[in-house]
Amino acid sequence: YIPISCDEVAKKMNIDSEIIFYRLSFHLNNKYRYTQKDTSKLEFFMDTIGGKYHCINYAYLCSILADEKEKKRQKDFALWFSSSALIISSAPYLIKLIKLMF
């Protein structure tokens, strides 16, 4: 776990630091926290740990970001592929329309 400054993150994003804290603490931690088979819990965000405040599980964060990047890549590919298919499938109709116009 590494400590972060909610104030500095909030300044860079131009929002209130409480929004960052509550988003990390309640939304993202609840979304990504899980219990392992030995009943130990893996937390995404800890308010305090070892005398440090506002700590993120950095290795887990990197894993989450890699997964999200892969999901985005897959969505972008699907969008590109379907757009290409639409263009290719509409080409004969456009050619026919052009022939009718001239």
C-alpha atoms as a PDB file:
ATOM      1  CA  TYR A   1       0.000   0.000   0.000  1.00  0.00           C
ATOM      2  CA  ILE A   2       1.238   3.473  -0.825  1.00  0.00           C
ATOM      3  CA  PRO A   3      -0.141   6.688   0.652  1.00  0.00           C
ATOM      4  CA  ILE A   4      -1.700   9.266  -1.642  1.00  0.00           C
ATOM      5  CA  SER A   5      -2.687  12.853  -1.067  1.00  0.00           C
ATOM      6  CA  CYS A   6      -6.369  13.308  -1.832  1.00  0.00           C
ATOM      7  CA  ASP A   7      -5.775  17.081  -1.770  1.00  0.00           C
ATOM      8  CA  GLU A   8      -3.128  16.944  -4.512  1.00  0.00           C
ATOM      9  CA  VAL A   9      -5.193  14.600  -6.680  1.00  0.00           C
ATOM     10  CA  ALA A  10      -8.219  16.866  -6.224  1.00  0.00           C
ATOM     11  CA  LYS A  11      -6.221  19.958  -7.205  1.00  0.00           C
ATOM     12  CA  LYS A  12      -5.045  18.271 -10.418  1.00  0.00           C
ATOM     13  CA  MET A  13      -8.617  17.248 -11.226  1.00  0.00           C
ATOM     14  CA  ASN A  14     -10.041  20.603 -10.112  1.00  0.00           C
ATOM     15  CA  ILE A  15     -12.575  19.070  -7.705  1.00  0.00           C
ATOM     16  CA  ASP A  16     -13.092  18.840  -3.960  1.00  0.00           C
ATOM     17  CA  SER A  17     -10.746  16.474  -2.074  1.00  0.00           C
ATOM     18  CA  GLU A  18     -13.671  14.936  -0.204  1.00  0.00           C
ATOM     19  CA  ILE A  19     -15.050  13.681  -3.516  1.00  0.00           C
ATOM     20  CA  ILE A  20     -11.762  11.874  -4.193  1.00  0.00           C
ATOM     21  CA  PHE A  21     -11.715  10.365  -0.716  1.00  0.00           C
ATOM     22  CA  TYR A  22     -15.333   9.186  -0.803  1.00  0.00           C
ATOM     23  CA  ARG A  23     -14.986   7.866  -4.346  1.00  0.00           C
ATOM     24  CA  LEU A  24     -11.938   5.821  -3.320  1.00  0.00           C
ATOM     25  CA  SER A  25     -13.266   4.798   0.061  1.00  0.00           C
ATOM     26  CA  PHE A  26     -16.832   3.890  -0.752  1.00  0.00           C
ATOM     27  CA  HIS A  27     -17.268   3.353  -4.470  1.00  0.00           C
ATOM     28  CA  LEU A  28     -13.976   1.940  -5.755  1.00  0.00           C
ATOM     29  CA  ASN A  29     -13.066   0.052  -2.592  1.00  0.00           C
ATOM     30  CA  ASN A  30     -16.490  -1.621  -2.524  1.00  0.00           C
ATOM     31  CA  LYS A  31     -16.247  -2.401  -6.230  1.00  0.00           C
ATOM     32  CA  TYR A  32     -12.783  -3.989  -6.130  1.00  0.00           C
ATOM     33  CA  ARG A  33     -12.508  -5.383  -2.588  1.00  0.00           C
ATOM     34  CA  TYR A  34     -12.763  -9.149  -2.342  1.00  0.00           C
ATOM     35  CA  THR A  35     -12.376 -11.955   0.179  1.00  0.00           C
ATOM     36  CA  GLN A  36      -9.824 -14.635  -0.568  1.00  0.00           C
ATOM     37  CA  LYS A  37     -10.336 -18.374   0.054  1.00  0.00           C
ATOM     38  CA  ASP A  38      -8.585 -18.188   3.420  1.00  0.00           C
ATOM     39  CA  THR A  39     -11.125 -15.467   4.458  1.00  0.00           C
ATOM     40  CA  SER A  40      -8.537 -12.693   4.325  1.00  0.00           C
ATOM     41  CA  LYS A  41      -9.692  -9.541   2.573  1.00  0.00           C
ATOM     42  CA  LEU A  42      -7.897  -7.695  -0.188  1.00  0.00           C
ATOM     43  CA  GLU A  43      -8.723  -4.011   0.013  1.00  0.00           C
ATOM     44  CA  PHE A  44      -8.233  -1.547  -2.829  1.00  0.00           C
ATOM     45  CA  PHE A  45      -8.137   1.495  -0.527  1.00  0.00           C
ATOM     46  CA  MET A  46      -7.391   1.759   3.203  1.00  0.00           C
ATOM     47  CA  ASP A  47      -8.057   4.894   5.223  1.00  0.00           C
ATOM     48  CA  THR A  48      -5.186   4.091   7.599  1.00  0.00           C
ATOM     49  CA  ILE A  49      -2.563   1.353   7.536  1.00  0.00           C
ATOM     50  CA  GLY A  50       0.685   1.237   9.465  1.00  0.00           C
ATOM     51  CA  GLY A  51       0.381   4.854  10.595  1.00  0.00           C
ATOM     52  CA  LYS A  52      -0.100   6.119   7.035  1.00  0.00           C
ATOM     53  CA  TYR A  53      -3.300   7.708   5.765  1.00  0.00           C
ATOM     54  CA  HIS A  54      -5.229   7.246   2.510  1.00  0.00           C
ATOM     55  CA  CYS A  55      -3.335   4.268   1.110  1.00  0.00           C
ATOM     56  CA  ILE A  56      -3.956   2.506  -2.204  1.00  0.00           C
ATOM     57  CA  ASN A  57      -2.923  -1.046  -3.000  1.00  0.00           C
ATOM     58  CA  TYR A  58      -0.589  -0.051  -5.835  1.00  0.00           C
ATOM     59  CA  ALA A  59      -0.054  -3.515  -7.312  1.00  0.00           C
ATOM     60  CA  TYR A  60      -3.806  -4.113  -7.373  1.00  0.00           C
ATOM     61  CA  LEU A  61      -4.371  -0.661  -8.921  1.00  0.00           C
ATOM     62  CA  CYS A  62      -1.929  -1.520 -11.730  1.00  0.00           C
ATOM     63  CA  SER A  63      -3.780  -4.777 -12.344  1.00  0.00           C
ATOM     64  CA  ILE A  64      -7.158  -3.012 -12.445  1.00  0.00           C
ATOM     65  CA  LEU A  65      -5.844  -0.378 -14.862  1.00  0.00           C
ATOM     66  CA  ALA A  66      -4.379  -3.057 -17.134  1.00  0.00           C
ATOM     67  CA  ASP A  67      -7.745  -4.851 -17.201  1.00  0.00           C
ATOM     68  CA  GLU A  68      -9.590  -1.624 -17.982  1.00  0.00           C
ATOM     69  CA  LYS A  69      -7.110  -0.807 -20.761  1.00  0.00           C
ATOM     70  CA  GLU A  70      -7.679  -4.258 -22.284  1.00  0.00           C
ATOM     71  CA  LYS A  71     -11.475  -3.800 -22.106  1.00  0.00           C
ATOM     72  CA  LYS A  72     -11.150  -0.434 -23.847  1.00  0.00           C
ATOM     73  CA  ARG A  73      -8.962  -1.968 -26.555  1.00  0.00           C
ATOM     74  CA  GLN A  74     -11.548  -4.691 -27.160  1.00  0.00           C
ATOM     75  CA  LYS A  75     -14.388  -2.163 -27.345  1.00  0.00           C
ATOM     76  CA  ASP A  76     -12.409   0.048 -29.725  1.00  0.00           C
ATOM     77  CA  PHE A  77     -11.675  -2.934 -31.976  1.00  0.00           C
ATOM     78  CA  ALA A  78     -15.344  -3.976 -32.002  1.00  0.00           C
ATOM     79  CA  LEU A  79     -16.396  -0.418 -32.861  1.00  0.00           C
ATOM     80  CA  TRP A  80     -13.809  -0.156 -35.653  1.00  0.00           C
ATOM     81  CA  PHE A  81     -14.740  -3.575 -37.031  1.00  0.00           C
ATOM     82  CA  SER A  82     -18.497  -2.905 -37.018  1.00  0.00           C
ATOM     83  CA  SER A  83     -17.996   0.550 -38.560  1.00  0.00           C
ATOM     84  CA  SER A  84     -15.885  -0.970 -41.322  1.00  0.00           C
ATOM     85  CA  ALA A  85     -18.516  -3.644 -41.947  1.00  0.00           C
ATOM     86  CA  LEU A  86     -21.219  -0.976 -42.207  1.00  0.00           C
ATOM     87  CA  ILE A  87     -19.189   1.039 -44.719  1.00  0.00           C
ATOM     88  CA  ILE A  88     -18.369  -2.024 -46.814  1.00  0.00           C
ATOM     89  CA  SER A  89     -21.948  -3.300 -46.780  1.00  0.00           C
ATOM     90  CA  SER A  90     -23.363   0.083 -47.814  1.00  0.00           C
ATOM     91  CA  ALA A  91     -20.897   0.560 -50.706  1.00  0.00           C
ATOM     92  CA  PRO A  92     -23.037  -1.266 -53.333  1.00  0.00           C
ATOM     93  CA  TYR A  93     -26.048   0.887 -52.442  1.00  0.00           C
ATOM     94  CA  LEU A  94     -23.996   4.048 -52.786  1.00  0.00           C
ATOM     95  CA  ILE A  95     -22.660   2.931 -56.163  1.00  0.00           C
ATOM     96  CA  LYS A  96     -26.195   2.147 -57.353  1.00  0.00           C
ATOM     97  CA  LEU A  97     -27.412   5.539 -56.120  1.00  0.00           C
ATOM     98  CA  ILE A  98     -24.598   7.333 -57.937  1.00  0.00           C
ATOM     99  CA  LYS A  99     -25.393   5.455 -61.166  1.00  0.00           C
ATOM    100  CA  LEU A 100     -29.054   6.453 -60.883  1.00  0.00           C
ATOM    101  CA  MET A 101     -28.158  10.104 -60.375  1.00  0.00           C
ATOM    102  CA  PHE A 102     -25.960  10.351 -63.467  1.00  0.00           C
END
